[in-house]
C-alpha atoms as a PDB file:
ATOM      1  CA  MET A   1      66.707  68.623 117.756  1.00  0.00           C
ATOM      2  CA  MET A   2      66.021  72.328 118.125  1.00  0.00           C
ATOM      3  CA  ARG A   3      69.188  72.793 120.204  1.00  0.00           C
ATOM      4  CA  ILE A   4      71.311  71.145 117.538  1.00  0.00           C
ATOM      5  CA  ARG A   5      69.908  73.468 114.870  1.00  0.00           C
ATOM      6  CA  ALA A   6      70.499  76.489 117.105  1.00  0.00           C
ATOM      7  CA  LEU A   7      74.106  75.406 117.753  1.00  0.00           C
ATOM      8  CA  LEU A   8      74.753  74.772 114.056  1.00  0.00           C
ATOM      9  CA  LEU A   9      73.272  78.146 113.144  1.00  0.00           C
ATOM     10  CA  ALA A  10      75.375  79.904 115.803  1.00  0.00           C
ATOM     11  CA  GLY A  11      78.482  78.111 114.528  1.00  0.00           C
ATOM     12  CA  LEU A  12      77.818  79.168 110.943  1.00  0.00           C
ATOM     13  CA  ILE A  13      77.197  82.767 111.999  1.00  0.00           C
ATOM     14  CA  ALA A  14      80.488  82.758 113.934  1.00  0.00           C
ATOM     15  CA  LEU A  15      82.368  81.221 110.991  1.00  0.00           C
ATOM     16  CA  VAL A  16      81.382  83.831 108.357  1.00  0.00           C
ATOM     17  CA  PRO A  17      83.407  86.750 109.831  1.00  0.00           C
ATOM     18  CA  LEU A  18      86.455  84.489 110.124  1.00  0.00           C
ATOM     19  CA  THR A  19      86.398  83.620 106.418  1.00  0.00           C
ATOM     20  CA  ASP A  20      86.063  87.309 105.513  1.00  0.00           C
ATOM     21  CA  ALA A  21      89.012  88.172 107.762  1.00  0.00           C
ATOM     22  CA  ALA A  22      91.126  85.427 106.180  1.00  0.00           C
ATOM     23  CA  ALA A  23      90.310  86.692 102.677  1.00  0.00           C
ATOM     24  CA  GLN A  24      91.249  90.251 103.645  1.00  0.00           C
ATOM     25  CA  SER A  25      94.499  89.013 105.163  1.00  0.00           C
ATOM     26  CA  ARG A  26      95.433  87.223 101.920  1.00  0.00           C
ATOM     27  CA  GLY A  27      94.775  90.432  99.981  1.00  0.00           C
ATOM     28  CA  ARG A  28      96.990  92.463 102.317  1.00  0.00           C
ATOM     29  CA  ASP A  29      99.794  89.908 102.035  1.00  0.00           C
ATOM     30  CA  ARG A  30      99.568  90.033  98.237  1.00  0.00           C
ATOM     31  CA  ASP A  31      99.759  93.849  98.266  1.00  0.00           C
ATOM     32  CA  ARG A  32     102.722  93.762 100.630  1.00  0.00           C
ATOM     33  CA  ASP A  33     104.563  91.341  98.316  1.00  0.00           C
ATOM     34  CA  GLU A  34     103.930  93.617  95.316  1.00  0.00           C
ATOM     35  CA  ASP A  35     105.294  96.605  97.254  1.00  0.00           C
ATOM     36  CA  ARG A  36     108.460  94.682  98.051  1.00  0.00           C
ATOM     37  CA  ARG A  37     108.962  93.821  94.384  1.00  0.00           C
ATOM     38  CA  GLU A  38     108.580  97.452  93.347  1.00  0.00           C
ATOM     39  CA  GLN A  39     111.248  98.721  95.761  1.00  0.00           C
ATOM     40  CA  SER A  40     114.533  99.596  94.128  1.00  0.00           C
ATOM     41  CA  ARG A  41     117.335  97.123  94.562  1.00  0.00           C
ATOM     42  CA  THR A  42     120.919  97.981  95.387  1.00  0.00           C
ATOM     43  CA  TYR A  43     123.824  96.009  94.041  1.00  0.00           C
ATOM     44  CA  PRO A  44     127.416  95.728  95.198  1.00  0.00           C
ATOM     45  CA  GLY A  45     129.514  98.482  93.722  1.00  0.00           C
ATOM     46  CA  GLN A  46     126.847 101.155  93.883  1.00  0.00           C
ATOM     47  CA  GLY A  47     128.283 104.114  95.726  1.00  0.00           C
ATOM     48  CA  LEU A  48     127.357 107.639  96.612  1.00  0.00           C
ATOM     49  CA  ARG A  49     127.746 108.750  93.012  1.00  0.00           C
ATOM     50  CA  ASP A  50     124.696 106.615  92.150  1.00  0.00           C
ATOM     51  CA  ALA A  51     122.577 107.958  95.017  1.00  0.00           C
ATOM     52  CA  PRO A  52     120.024 110.694  94.368  1.00  0.00           C
ATOM     53  CA  ARG A  53     121.473 114.143  94.915  1.00  0.00           C
ATOM     54  CA  SER A  54     118.528 115.585  96.801  1.00  0.00           C
ATOM     55  CA  ALA A  55     115.314 114.373  98.312  1.00  0.00           C
ATOM     56  CA  PRO A  56     112.267 114.711  96.057  1.00  0.00           C
ATOM     57  CA  SER A  57     110.224 117.814  96.725  1.00  0.00           C
ATOM     58  CA  PRO A  58     106.834 117.403  98.307  1.00  0.00           C
ATOM     59  CA  ARG A  59     103.932 117.027  95.896  1.00  0.00           C
ATOM     60  CA  ALA A  60     100.728 119.017  96.043  1.00  0.00           C
ATOM     61  CA  ASP A  61      97.617 117.054  96.992  1.00  0.00           C
ATOM     62  CA  PRO A  62      95.179 116.567  94.058  1.00  0.00           C
ATOM     63  CA  GLY A  63      92.242 117.347  96.381  1.00  0.00           C
ATOM     64  CA  ASP A  64      93.792 120.693  97.348  1.00  0.00           C
ATOM     65  CA  ILE A  65      94.466 121.440  93.692  1.00  0.00           C
ATOM     66  CA  ALA A  66      90.828 120.740  92.788  1.00  0.00           C
ATOM     67  CA  ARG A  67      89.608 123.058  95.574  1.00  0.00           C
ATOM     68  CA  ARG A  68      92.007 125.813  94.507  1.00  0.00           C
ATOM     69  CA  VAL A  69      90.849 125.639  90.881  1.00  0.00           C
ATOM     70  CA  GLN A  70      87.166 125.625  91.910  1.00  0.00           C
ATOM     71  CA  SER A  71      87.405 128.745  94.071  1.00  0.00           C
ATOM     72  CA  GLY A  72      86.073 131.743  92.186  1.00  0.00           C
ATOM     73  CA  ARG A  73      85.622 129.876  88.912  1.00  0.00           C
ATOM     74  CA  PRO A  74      82.178 129.220  87.417  1.00  0.00           C
ATOM     75  CA  GLY A  75      81.474 125.781  86.011  1.00  0.00           C
ATOM     76  CA  ARG A  76      82.400 122.283  87.065  1.00  0.00           C
ATOM     77  CA  MET A  77      85.467 120.064  87.221  1.00  0.00           C
ATOM     78  CA  LEU A  78      85.551 117.089  84.855  1.00  0.00           C
ATOM     79  CA  GLY A  79      88.762 115.480  86.144  1.00  0.00           C
ATOM     80  CA  VAL A  80      92.377 115.810  87.283  1.00  0.00           C
ATOM     81  CA  GLN A  81      95.373 114.168  85.579  1.00  0.00           C
ATOM     82  CA  GLU A  82      99.061 114.194  86.364  1.00  0.00           C
ATOM     83  CA  ARG A  83     101.163 115.217  83.391  1.00  0.00           C
ATOM     84  CA  GLY A  84     104.945 115.517  83.581  1.00  0.00           C
ATOM     85  CA  GLY A  85     105.136 116.460  87.264  1.00  0.00           C
ATOM     86  CA  ASP A  86     102.272 118.932  86.993  1.00  0.00           C
ATOM     87  CA  TYR A  87      98.524 118.514  87.190  1.00  0.00           C
ATOM     88  CA  VAL A  88      95.978 119.291  84.492  1.00  0.00           C
ATOM     89  CA  VAL A  89      92.428 119.983  85.627  1.00  0.00           C
ATOM     90  CA  ARG A  90      89.784 119.578  82.939  1.00  0.00           C
ATOM     91  CA  TRP A  91      87.120 122.244  83.532  1.00  0.00           C
ATOM     92  CA  GLU A  92      83.746 122.859  81.883  1.00  0.00           C
ATOM     93  CA  TYR A  93      82.581 126.469  81.941  1.00  0.00           C
ATOM     94  CA  PRO A  94      78.914 127.483  81.729  1.00  0.00           C
ATOM     95  CA  GLY A  95      77.910 127.313  78.095  1.00  0.00           C
ATOM     96  CA  GLY A  96      79.807 124.062  77.475  1.00  0.00           C
ATOM     97  CA  ARG A  97      83.357 125.322  76.797  1.00  0.00           C
ATOM     98  CA  VAL A  98      85.923 122.805  78.097  1.00  0.00           C
ATOM     99  CA  SER A  99      89.370 123.962  79.132  1.00  0.00           C
ATOM    100  CA  ASP A 100      92.516 122.380  80.583  1.00  0.00           C
ATOM    101  CA  ILE A 101      93.881 124.318  83.551  1.00  0.00           C
ATOM    102  CA  GLN A 102      97.555 123.679  84.294  1.00  0.00           C
ATOM    103  CA  VAL A 103      98.626 123.571  87.937  1.00  0.00           C
ATOM    104  CA  ASP A 104     102.165 123.326  89.334  1.00  0.00           C
ATOM    105  CA  GLY A 105     102.693 119.872  90.872  1.00  0.00           C
ATOM    106  CA  ARG A 106     104.821 121.104  93.784  1.00  0.00           C
ATOM    107  CA  SER A 107     103.289 124.391  94.883  1.00  0.00           C
ATOM    108  CA  GLY A 108      99.725 123.861  93.660  1.00  0.00           C
ATOM    109  CA  ARG A 109      99.654 127.281  91.956  1.00  0.00           C
ATOM    110  CA  VAL A 110      97.425 127.664  88.927  1.00  0.00           C
ATOM    111  CA  ARG A 111      99.660 128.386  85.921  1.00  0.00           C
ATOM    112  CA  GLY A 112      97.058 129.041  83.274  1.00  0.00           C
ATOM    113  CA  ASP A 113      94.089 128.099  81.156  1.00  0.00           C
ATOM    114  CA  ASP A 114      94.244 126.455  77.721  1.00  0.00           C
END
């Protein structure tokens, strides 16, 4: 009787990771299907005139932008948002004043404080 319980317990323990792996696999498949739907479609008759003229420029990393804004600036960051190709870093200075700092989306250069 004790052996049967031990075998059943071992079987259940072995089964749990398999169900987790199957659930993760279903999630990955769902994400992959969504990515395929979001890809642009081409239709017959589309030629070079419809193609983009140049490759998009590389974007600055939001983490690098946050570090650049933090260096040499007192206070704390409240958040980063993308706005029209640029980034806006919401910053709280000591004393409670809140400001939006505009950063170029391509180069990561700080443009100014609002």
